[in-house]
PDB file of all heavy atoms in Angstrom:
ATOM      1  N   PHE A   1      49.445  49.683-153.511  1.00  0.00           N
ATOM      2  CA  PHE A   1      50.549  48.808-153.239  1.00  0.00           C
ATOM      3  C   PHE A   1      50.098  47.432-152.742  1.00  0.00           C
ATOM      4  O   PHE A   1      50.845  46.429-152.839  1.00  0.00           O
ATOM      5  CB  PHE A   1      51.530  49.457-152.252  1.00  0.00           C
ATOM      6  CG  PHE A   1      51.047  49.515-150.820  1.00  0.00           C
ATOM      7  CD1 PHE A   1      51.426  48.571-149.900  1.00  0.00           C
ATOM      8  CD2 PHE A   1      50.156  50.533-150.437  1.00  0.00           C
ATOM      9  CE1 PHE A   1      50.986  48.593-148.587  1.00  0.00           C
ATOM     10  CE2 PHE A   1      49.717  50.584-149.108  1.00  0.00           C
ATOM     11  CZ  PHE A   1      50.135  49.631-148.179  1.00  0.00           C
ATOM     12  N   PHE A   2      48.887  47.336-152.166  1.00  0.00           N
ATOM     13  CA  PHE A   2      48.362  46.081-151.706  1.00  0.00           C
ATOM     14  C   PHE A   2      48.199  45.048-152.845  1.00  0.00           C
ATOM     15  O   PHE A   2      48.557  43.879-152.741  1.00  0.00           O
ATOM     16  CB  PHE A   2      47.038  46.241-150.965  1.00  0.00           C
ATOM     17  CG  PHE A   2      47.213  46.684-149.525  1.00  0.00           C
ATOM     18  CD1 PHE A   2      46.669  47.911-149.163  1.00  0.00           C
ATOM     19  CD2 PHE A   2      47.874  45.913-148.604  1.00  0.00           C
ATOM     20  CE1 PHE A   2      46.778  48.366-147.859  1.00  0.00           C
ATOM     21  CE2 PHE A   2      47.992  46.371-147.286  1.00  0.00           C
ATOM     22  CZ  PHE A   2      47.461  47.574-146.930  1.00  0.00           C
ATOM     23  N   THR A   3      47.602  45.503-153.933  1.00  0.00           N
ATOM     24  CA  THR A   3      47.256  44.591-155.029  1.00  0.00           C
ATOM     25  C   THR A   3      48.275  44.619-156.157  1.00  0.00           C
ATOM     26  O   THR A   3      48.240  43.779-157.051  1.00  0.00           O
ATOM     27  CB  THR A   3      45.880  44.941-155.610  1.00  0.00           C
ATOM     28  OG1 THR A   3      45.853  46.312-155.998  1.00  0.00           O
ATOM     29  CG2 THR A   3      44.816  44.719-154.557  1.00  0.00           C
ATOM     30  N   ALA A   4      49.180  45.642-156.194  1.00  0.00           N
ATOM     31  CA  ALA A   4      50.134  45.755-157.314  1.00  0.00           C
ATOM     32  C   ALA A   4      51.134  44.648-157.284  1.00  0.00           C
ATOM     33  O   ALA A   4      51.602  44.193-156.230  1.00  0.00           O
ATOM     34  CB  ALA A   4      50.820  47.117-157.241  1.00  0.00           C
ATOM     35  N   SER A   5      51.494  44.164-158.463  1.00  0.00           N
ATOM     36  CA  SER A   5      52.536  43.155-158.606  1.00  0.00           C
ATOM     37  C   SER A   5      53.869  43.810-158.832  1.00  0.00           C
ATOM     38  O   SER A   5      53.981  44.812-159.588  1.00  0.00           O
ATOM     39  CB  SER A   5      52.253  42.240-159.794  1.00  0.00           C
ATOM     40  OG  SER A   5      53.363  41.449-160.110  1.00  0.00           O
ATOM     41  N   PRO A   6      54.943  43.352-158.213  1.00  0.00           N
ATOM     42  CA  PRO A   6      56.259  43.979-158.447  1.00  0.00           C
ATOM     43  C   PRO A   6      56.702  43.891-159.903  1.00  0.00           C
ATOM     44  O   PRO A   6      57.415  44.762-160.402  1.00  0.00           O
ATOM     45  CB  PRO A   6      57.206  43.184-157.519  1.00  0.00           C
ATOM     46  CG  PRO A   6      56.500  41.909-157.217  1.00  0.00           C
ATOM     47  CD  PRO A   6      55.048  42.275-157.217  1.00  0.00           C
ATOM     48  N   ASP A   7      56.253  42.853-160.590  1.00  0.00           N
ATOM     49  CA  ASP A   7      56.616  42.702-162.004  1.00  0.00           C
ATOM     50  C   ASP A   7      56.017  43.816-162.891  1.00  0.00           C
ATOM     51  O   ASP A   7      56.516  44.057-163.980  1.00  0.00           O
ATOM     52  CB  ASP A   7      56.158  41.330-162.521  1.00  0.00           C
ATOM     53  CG  ASP A   7      56.913  40.215-161.864  1.00  0.00           C
ATOM     54  OD1 ASP A   7      58.088  40.398-161.430  1.00  0.00           O
ATOM     55  OD2 ASP A   7      56.347  39.124-161.744  1.00  0.00           O
ATOM     56  N   ARG A   8      54.969  44.427-162.370  1.00  0.00           N
ATOM     57  CA  ARG A   8      54.325  45.522-163.141  1.00  0.00           C
ATOM     58  C   ARG A   8      55.264  46.681-163.336  1.00  0.00           C
ATOM     59  O   ARG A   8      55.196  47.403-164.330  1.00  0.00           O
ATOM     60  CB  ARG A   8      53.112  45.964-162.428  1.00  0.00           C
ATOM     61  CG  ARG A   8      52.380  47.175-162.998  1.00  0.00           C
ATOM     62  CD  ARG A   8      51.172  47.552-162.128  1.00  0.00           C
ATOM     63  NE  ARG A   8      50.522  48.731-162.636  1.00  0.00           N
ATOM     64  CZ  ARG A   8      49.456  49.312-162.045  1.00  0.00           C
ATOM     65  NH1 ARG A   8      48.967  48.771-160.948  1.00  0.00           N
ATOM     66  NH2 ARG A   8      48.933  50.392-162.550  1.00  0.00           N
ATOM     67  N   TYR A   9      56.227  46.854-162.437  1.00  0.00           N
ATOM     68  CA  TYR A   9      57.125  47.997-162.493  1.00  0.00           C
ATOM     69  C   TYR A   9      58.561  47.602-162.843  1.00  0.00           C
ATOM     70  O   TYR A   9      59.445  48.460-162.873  1.00  0.00           O
ATOM     71  CB  TYR A   9      57.150  48.740-161.135  1.00  0.00           C
ATOM     72  CG  TYR A   9      55.757  49.122-160.636  1.00  0.00           C
ATOM     73  CD1 TYR A   9      55.128  48.381-159.644  1.00  0.00           C
ATOM     74  CD2 TYR A   9      55.096  50.185-161.189  1.00  0.00           C
ATOM     75  CE1 TYR A   9      53.863  48.730-159.173  1.00  0.00           C
ATOM     76  CE2 TYR A   9      53.847  50.530-160.727  1.00  0.00           C
ATOM     77  CZ  TYR A   9      53.214  49.808-159.715  1.00  0.00           C
ATOM     78  OH  TYR A   9      51.946  50.150-159.283  1.00  0.00           O
ATOM     79  N   ALA A  10      58.785  46.345-163.105  1.00  0.00           N
ATOM     80  CA  ALA A  10      60.156  45.845-163.262  1.00  0.00           C
ATOM     81  C   ALA A  10      60.610  45.677-164.667  1.00  0.00           C
ATOM     82  O   ALA A  10      61.627  44.997-164.932  1.00  0.00           O
ATOM     83  CB  ALA A  10      60.318  44.528-162.480  1.00  0.00           C
ATOM     84  N   ALA A  11      59.890  46.230-165.644  1.00  0.00           N
ATOM     85  CA  ALA A  11      60.291  46.066-167.045  1.00  0.00           C
ATOM     86  C   ALA A  11      61.648  46.766-167.309  1.00  0.00           C
ATOM     87  O   ALA A  11      61.800  47.918-166.968  1.00  0.00           O
ATOM     88  CB  ALA A  11      59.221  46.608-167.946  1.00  0.00           C
ATOM     89  N   LEU A  12      62.572  46.050-167.886  1.00  0.00           N
ATOM     90  CA  LEU A  12      63.905  46.612-168.149  1.00  0.00           C
ATOM     91  C   LEU A  12      63.899  47.473-169.402  1.00  0.00           C
ATOM     92  O   LEU A  12      64.661  48.463-169.494  1.00  0.00           O
ATOM     93  CB  LEU A  12      64.953  45.488-168.271  1.00  0.00           C
ATOM     94  CG  LEU A  12      65.122  44.591-167.002  1.00  0.00           C
ATOM     95  CD1 LEU A  12      66.173  43.537-167.288  1.00  0.00           C
ATOM     96  CD2 LEU A  12      65.487  45.466-165.812  1.00  0.00           C
ATOM     97  N   PHE A  13      63.080  47.134-170.366  1.00  0.00           N
ATOM     98  CA  PHE A  13      62.942  47.920-171.578  1.00  0.00           C
ATOM     99  C   PHE A  13      61.456  48.260-171.724  1.00  0.00           C
ATOM    100  O   PHE A  13      60.605  47.366-171.632  1.00  0.00           O
ATOM    101  CB  PHE A  13      63.447  47.152-172.804  1.00  0.00           C
ATOM    102  CG  PHE A  13      64.927  46.936-172.786  1.00  0.00           C
ATOM    103  CD1 PHE A  13      65.437  45.742-172.294  1.00  0.00           C
ATOM    104  CD2 PHE A  13      65.797  47.910-173.267  1.00  0.00           C
ATOM    105  CE1 PHE A  13      66.807  45.545-172.249  1.00  0.00           C
ATOM    106  CE2 PHE A  13      67.167  47.711-173.214  1.00  0.00           C
ATOM    107  CZ  PHE A  13      67.692  46.521-172.723  1.00  0.00           C
ATOM    108  N   ASP A  14      61.159  49.504-171.971  1.00  0.00           N
ATOM    109  CA  ASP A  14      59.778  49.939-172.059  1.00  0.00           C
ATOM    110  C   ASP A  14      59.611  50.894-173.234  1.00  0.00           C
ATOM    111  O   ASP A  14      60.545  51.076-174.046  1.00  0.00           O
ATOM    112  CB  ASP A  14      59.311  50.561-170.742  1.00  0.00           C
ATOM    113  CG  ASP A  14      60.240  51.686-170.309  1.00  0.00           C
ATOM    114  OD1 ASP A  14      60.894  52.331-171.168  1.00  0.00           O
ATOM    115  OD2 ASP A  14      60.324  51.902-169.086  1.00  0.00           O
ATOM    116  N   SER A  15      58.458  51.488-173.298  1.00  0.00           N
ATOM    117  CA  SER A  15      58.128  52.376-174.424  1.00  0.00           C
ATOM    118  C   SER A  15      59.039  53.618-174.475  1.00  0.00           C
ATOM    119  O   SER A  15      59.203  54.189-175.544  1.00  0.00           O
ATOM    120  CB  SER A  15      56.674  52.815-174.362  1.00  0.00           C
ATOM    121  OG  SER A  15      56.432  53.521-173.150  1.00  0.00           O
ATOM    122  N   ARG A  16      59.618  54.000-173.368  1.00  0.00           N
ATOM    123  CA  ARG A  16      60.457  55.171-173.331  1.00  0.00           C
ATOM    124  C   ARG A  16      61.744  54.971-174.146  1.00  0.00           C
ATOM    125  O   ARG A  16      62.201  55.828-174.892  1.00  0.00           O
ATOM    126  CB  ARG A  16      60.845  55.563-171.917  1.00  0.00           C
ATOM    127  CG  ARG A  16      59.635  55.841-171.019  1.00  0.00           C
ATOM    128  CD  ARG A  16      60.041  56.088-169.623  1.00  0.00           C
ATOM    129  NE  ARG A  16      60.742  57.363-169.503  1.00  0.00           N
ATOM    130  CZ  ARG A  16      60.129  58.548-169.456  1.00  0.00           C
ATOM    131  NH1 ARG A  16      58.806  58.612-169.452  1.00  0.00           N
ATOM    132  NH2 ARG A  16      60.797  59.638-169.350  1.00  0.00           N
ATOM    133  N   GLN A  17      62.320  53.738-174.071  1.00  0.00           N
ATOM    134  CA  GLN A  17      63.474  53.447-174.903  1.00  0.00           C
ATOM    135  C   GLN A  17      63.099  53.422-176.398  1.00  0.00           C
ATOM    136  O   GLN A  17      63.851  53.890-177.245  1.00  0.00           O
ATOM    137  CB  GLN A  17      64.078  52.088-174.517  1.00  0.00           C
ATOM    138  CG  GLN A  17      64.950  52.181-173.274  1.00  0.00           C
ATOM    139  CD  GLN A  17      64.140  51.911-172.012  1.00  0.00           C
ATOM    140  OE1 GLN A  17      62.932  52.035-172.020  1.00  0.00           O
ATOM    141  NE2 GLN A  17      64.843  51.589-170.932  1.00  0.00           N
ATOM    142  N   LEU A  18      61.914  52.846-176.695  1.00  0.00           N
ATOM    143  CA  LEU A  18      61.473  52.858-178.076  1.00  0.00           C
ATOM    144  C   LEU A  18      61.281  54.247-178.620  1.00  0.00           C
ATOM    145  O   LEU A  18      61.612  54.537-179.776  1.00  0.00           O
ATOM    146  CB  LEU A  18      60.182  52.023-178.193  1.00  0.00           C
ATOM    147  CG  LEU A  18      60.297  50.514-177.856  1.00  0.00           C
ATOM    148  CD1 LEU A  18      58.923  49.890-177.953  1.00  0.00           C
ATOM    149  CD2 LEU A  18      61.262  49.852-178.769  1.00  0.00           C
ATOM    150  N   VAL A  19      60.721  55.102-177.771  1.00  0.00           N
ATOM    151  CA  VAL A  19      60.456  56.479-178.203  1.00  0.00           C
ATOM    152  C   VAL A  19      61.757  57.219-178.529  1.00  0.00           C
ATOM    153  O   VAL A  19      61.871  57.884-179.538  1.00  0.00           O
ATOM    154  CB  VAL A  19      59.684  57.245-177.095  1.00  0.00           C
ATOM    155  CG1 VAL A  19      59.729  58.750-177.311  1.00  0.00           C
ATOM    156  CG2 VAL A  19      58.277  56.776-177.018  1.00  0.00           C
ATOM    157  N   ILE A  20      62.774  57.072-177.667  1.00  0.00           N
ATOM    158  CA  ILE A  20      64.001  57.792-177.894  1.00  0.00           C
ATOM    159  C   ILE A  20      64.704  57.288-179.151  1.00  0.00           C
ATOM    160  O   ILE A  20      65.285  58.037-179.899  1.00  0.00           O
ATOM    161  CB  ILE A  20      64.916  57.735-176.651  1.00  0.00           C
ATOM    162  CG1 ILE A  20      65.922  58.914-176.738  1.00  0.00           C
ATOM    163  CG2 ILE A  20      65.624  56.473-176.498  1.00  0.00           C
ATOM    164  CD1 ILE A  20      66.672  59.148-175.452  1.00  0.00           C
ATOM    165  N   HIS A  21      64.637  55.969-179.411  1.00  0.00           N
ATOM    166  CA  HIS A  21      65.257  55.433-180.622  1.00  0.00           C
ATOM    167  C   HIS A  21      64.518  55.986-181.856  1.00  0.00           C
ATOM    168  O   HIS A  21      65.149  56.404-182.824  1.00  0.00           O
ATOM    169  CB  HIS A  21      65.164  53.880-180.629  1.00  0.00           C
ATOM    170  CG  HIS A  21      66.252  53.253-179.786  1.00  0.00           C
ATOM    171  ND1 HIS A  21      66.107  52.989-178.474  1.00  0.00           N
ATOM    172  CD2 HIS A  21      67.457  52.818-180.160  1.00  0.00           C
ATOM    173  CE1 HIS A  21      67.203  52.404-178.036  1.00  0.00           C
ATOM    174  NE2 HIS A  21      68.026  52.291-179.011  1.00  0.00           N
ATOM    175  N   PHE A  22      63.192  55.934-181.815  1.00  0.00           N
ATOM    176  CA  PHE A  22      62.373  56.405-182.955  1.00  0.00           C
ATOM    177  C   PHE A  22      62.621  57.843-183.212  1.00  0.00           C
ATOM    178  O   PHE A  22      62.827  58.283-184.340  1.00  0.00           O
ATOM    179  CB  PHE A  22      60.900  56.155-182.625  1.00  0.00           C
ATOM    180  CG  PHE A  22      59.959  56.646-183.685  1.00  0.00           C
ATOM    181  CD1 PHE A  22      59.742  55.927-184.848  1.00  0.00           C
ATOM    182  CD2 PHE A  22      59.317  57.887-183.570  1.00  0.00           C
ATOM    183  CE1 PHE A  22      58.887  56.333-185.860  1.00  0.00           C
ATOM    184  CE2 PHE A  22      58.463  58.337-184.552  1.00  0.00           C
ATOM    185  CZ  PHE A  22      58.250  57.578-185.712  1.00  0.00           C
ATOM    186  N   ALA A  23      62.655  58.672-182.128  1.00  0.00           N
ATOM    187  CA  ALA A  23      62.844  60.118-182.292  1.00  0.00           C
ATOM    188  C   ALA A  23      64.229  60.450-182.804  1.00  0.00           C
ATOM    189  O   ALA A  23      64.380  61.402-183.623  1.00  0.00           O
ATOM    190  CB  ALA A  23      62.557  60.802-180.954  1.00  0.00           C
ATOM    191  N   VAL A  24      65.244  59.740-182.369  1.00  0.00           N
ATOM    192  CA  VAL A  24      66.590  60.002-182.809  1.00  0.00           C
ATOM    193  C   VAL A  24      66.751  59.715-184.290  1.00  0.00           C
ATOM    194  O   VAL A  24      67.260  60.539-185.081  1.00  0.00           O
ATOM    195  CB  VAL A  24      67.632  59.145-182.015  1.00  0.00           C
ATOM    196  CG1 VAL A  24      69.001  59.200-182.665  1.00  0.00           C
ATOM    197  CG2 VAL A  24      67.731  59.703-180.592  1.00  0.00           C
ATOM    198  N   VAL A  25      66.259  58.555-184.711  1.00  0.00           N
ATOM    199  CA  VAL A  25      66.419  58.141-186.113  1.00  0.00           C
ATOM    200  C   VAL A  25      65.591  59.036-187.056  1.00  0.00           C
ATOM    201  O   VAL A  25      66.114  59.603-188.010  1.00  0.00           O
ATOM    202  CB  VAL A  25      66.011  56.661-186.314  1.00  0.00           C
ATOM    203  CG1 VAL A  25      66.037  56.287-187.772  1.00  0.00           C
ATOM    204  CG2 VAL A  25      66.987  55.763-185.491  1.00  0.00           C
ATOM    205  N   LEU A  26      64.296  59.136-186.765  1.00  0.00           N
ATOM    206  CA  LEU A  26      63.430  59.912-187.607  1.00  0.00           C
ATOM    207  C   LEU A  26      63.770  61.393-187.543  1.00  0.00           C
ATOM    208  O   LEU A  26      63.765  62.107-188.552  1.00  0.00           O
ATOM    209  CB  LEU A  26      61.968  59.717-187.198  1.00  0.00           C
ATOM    210  CG  LEU A  26      60.898  60.333-188.129  1.00  0.00           C
ATOM    211  CD1 LEU A  26      61.040  59.722-189.529  1.00  0.00           C
ATOM    212  CD2 LEU A  26      59.499  60.055-187.583  1.00  0.00           C
ATOM    213  N   GLY A  27      64.130  61.909-186.335  1.00  0.00           N
ATOM    214  CA  GLY A  27      64.512  63.235-186.197  1.00  0.00           C
ATOM    215  C   GLY A  27      65.807  63.612-186.975  1.00  0.00           C
ATOM    216  O   GLY A  27      65.904  64.662-187.601  1.00  0.00           O
ATOM    217  N   ALA A  28      66.776  62.678-186.979  1.00  0.00           N
ATOM    218  CA  ALA A  28      68.005  62.908-187.728  1.00  0.00           C
ATOM    219  C   ALA A  28      67.745  62.978-189.222  1.00  0.00           C
ATOM    220  O   ALA A  28      68.179  63.918-189.913  1.00  0.00           O
ATOM    221  CB  ALA A  28      69.002  61.785-187.433  1.00  0.00           C
ATOM    222  N   PHE A  29      67.001  62.046-189.773  1.00  0.00           N
ATOM    223  CA  PHE A  29      66.694  62.076-191.212  1.00  0.00           C
ATOM    224  C   PHE A  29      65.838  63.294-191.568  1.00  0.00           C
ATOM    225  O   PHE A  29      66.062  63.934-192.611  1.00  0.00           O
ATOM    226  CB  PHE A  29      65.963  60.790-191.626  1.00  0.00           C
ATOM    227  CG  PHE A  29      66.838  59.613-191.765  1.00  0.00           C
ATOM    228  CD1 PHE A  29      66.852  58.552-190.820  1.00  0.00           C
ATOM    229  CD2 PHE A  29      67.771  59.505-192.787  1.00  0.00           C
ATOM    230  CE1 PHE A  29      67.655  57.464-190.948  1.00  0.00           C
ATOM    231  CE2 PHE A  29      68.623  58.432-192.912  1.00  0.00           C
ATOM    232  CZ  PHE A  29      68.570  57.418-191.991  1.00  0.00           C
ATOM    233  N   GLY A  30      64.873  63.608-190.705  1.00  0.00           N
ATOM    234  CA  GLY A  30      64.015  64.789-190.967  1.00  0.00           C
ATOM    235  C   GLY A  30      64.800  66.071-190.949  1.00  0.00           C
ATOM    236  O   GLY A  30      64.594  66.942-191.785  1.00  0.00           O
ATOM    237  N   SER A  31      65.718  66.216-190.012  1.00  0.00           N
ATOM    238  CA  SER A  31      66.487  67.475-189.929  1.00  0.00           C
ATOM    239  C   SER A  31      67.434  67.595-191.086  1.00  0.00           C
ATOM    240  O   SER A  31      67.675  68.699-191.643  1.00  0.00           O
ATOM    241  CB  SER A  31      67.274  67.529-188.625  1.00  0.00           C
ATOM    242  OG  SER A  31      68.199  66.471-188.548  1.00  0.00           O
ATOM    243  N   ILE A  32      68.037  66.481-191.554  1.00  0.00           N
ATOM    244  CA  ILE A  32      68.899  66.491-192.750  1.00  0.00           C
ATOM    245  C   ILE A  32      68.104  66.939-193.972  1.00  0.00           C
ATOM    246  O   ILE A  32      68.619  67.731-194.801  1.00  0.00           O
ATOM    247  CB  ILE A  32      69.540  65.141-192.979  1.00  0.00           C
ATOM    248  CG1 ILE A  32      70.576  64.802-191.831  1.00  0.00           C
ATOM    249  CG2 ILE A  32      70.189  65.040-194.351  1.00  0.00           C
ATOM    250  CD1 ILE A  32      71.088  63.375-191.937  1.00  0.00           C
ATOM    251  N   TYR A  33      66.888  66.434-194.087  1.00  0.00           N
ATOM    252  CA  TYR A  33      66.062  66.813-195.225  1.00  0.00           C
ATOM    253  C   TYR A  33      65.733  68.283-195.150  1.00  0.00           C
ATOM    254  O   TYR A  33      65.775  69.011-196.190  1.00  0.00           O
ATOM    255  CB  TYR A  33      64.753  65.968-195.208  1.00  0.00           C
ATOM    256  CG  TYR A  33      63.794  66.386-196.307  1.00  0.00           C
ATOM    257  CD1 TYR A  33      63.900  65.889-197.576  1.00  0.00           C
ATOM    258  CD2 TYR A  33      62.734  67.283-196.047  1.00  0.00           C
ATOM    259  CE1 TYR A  33      63.060  66.275-198.589  1.00  0.00           C
ATOM    260  CE2 TYR A  33      61.862  67.675-197.050  1.00  0.00           C
ATOM    261  CZ  TYR A  33      62.016  67.118-198.299  1.00  0.00           C
ATOM    262  OH  TYR A  33      61.152  67.541-199.314  1.00  0.00           O
ATOM    263  N   LEU A  34      65.431  68.812-193.996  1.00  0.00           N
ATOM    264  CA  LEU A  34      65.091  70.227-193.850  1.00  0.00           C
ATOM    265  C   LEU A  34      66.287  71.097-194.224  1.00  0.00           C
ATOM    266  O   LEU A  34      66.132  72.124-194.896  1.00  0.00           O
ATOM    267  CB  LEU A  34      64.672  70.526-192.409  1.00  0.00           C
ATOM    268  CG  LEU A  34      63.309  70.046-191.966  1.00  0.00           C
ATOM    269  CD1 LEU A  34      63.081  70.315-190.452  1.00  0.00           C
ATOM    270  CD2 LEU A  34      62.192  70.687-192.748  1.00  0.00           C
TER     271      LEU A  34
END
């Protein structure tokens, strides 16, 4: 916490949002195909 920048943790959109979008879209098309 001494050297950490607050901006390091303050991202409003991160890889987790991208992951859930990718998984929903690709998962939906993949399940329909199956």
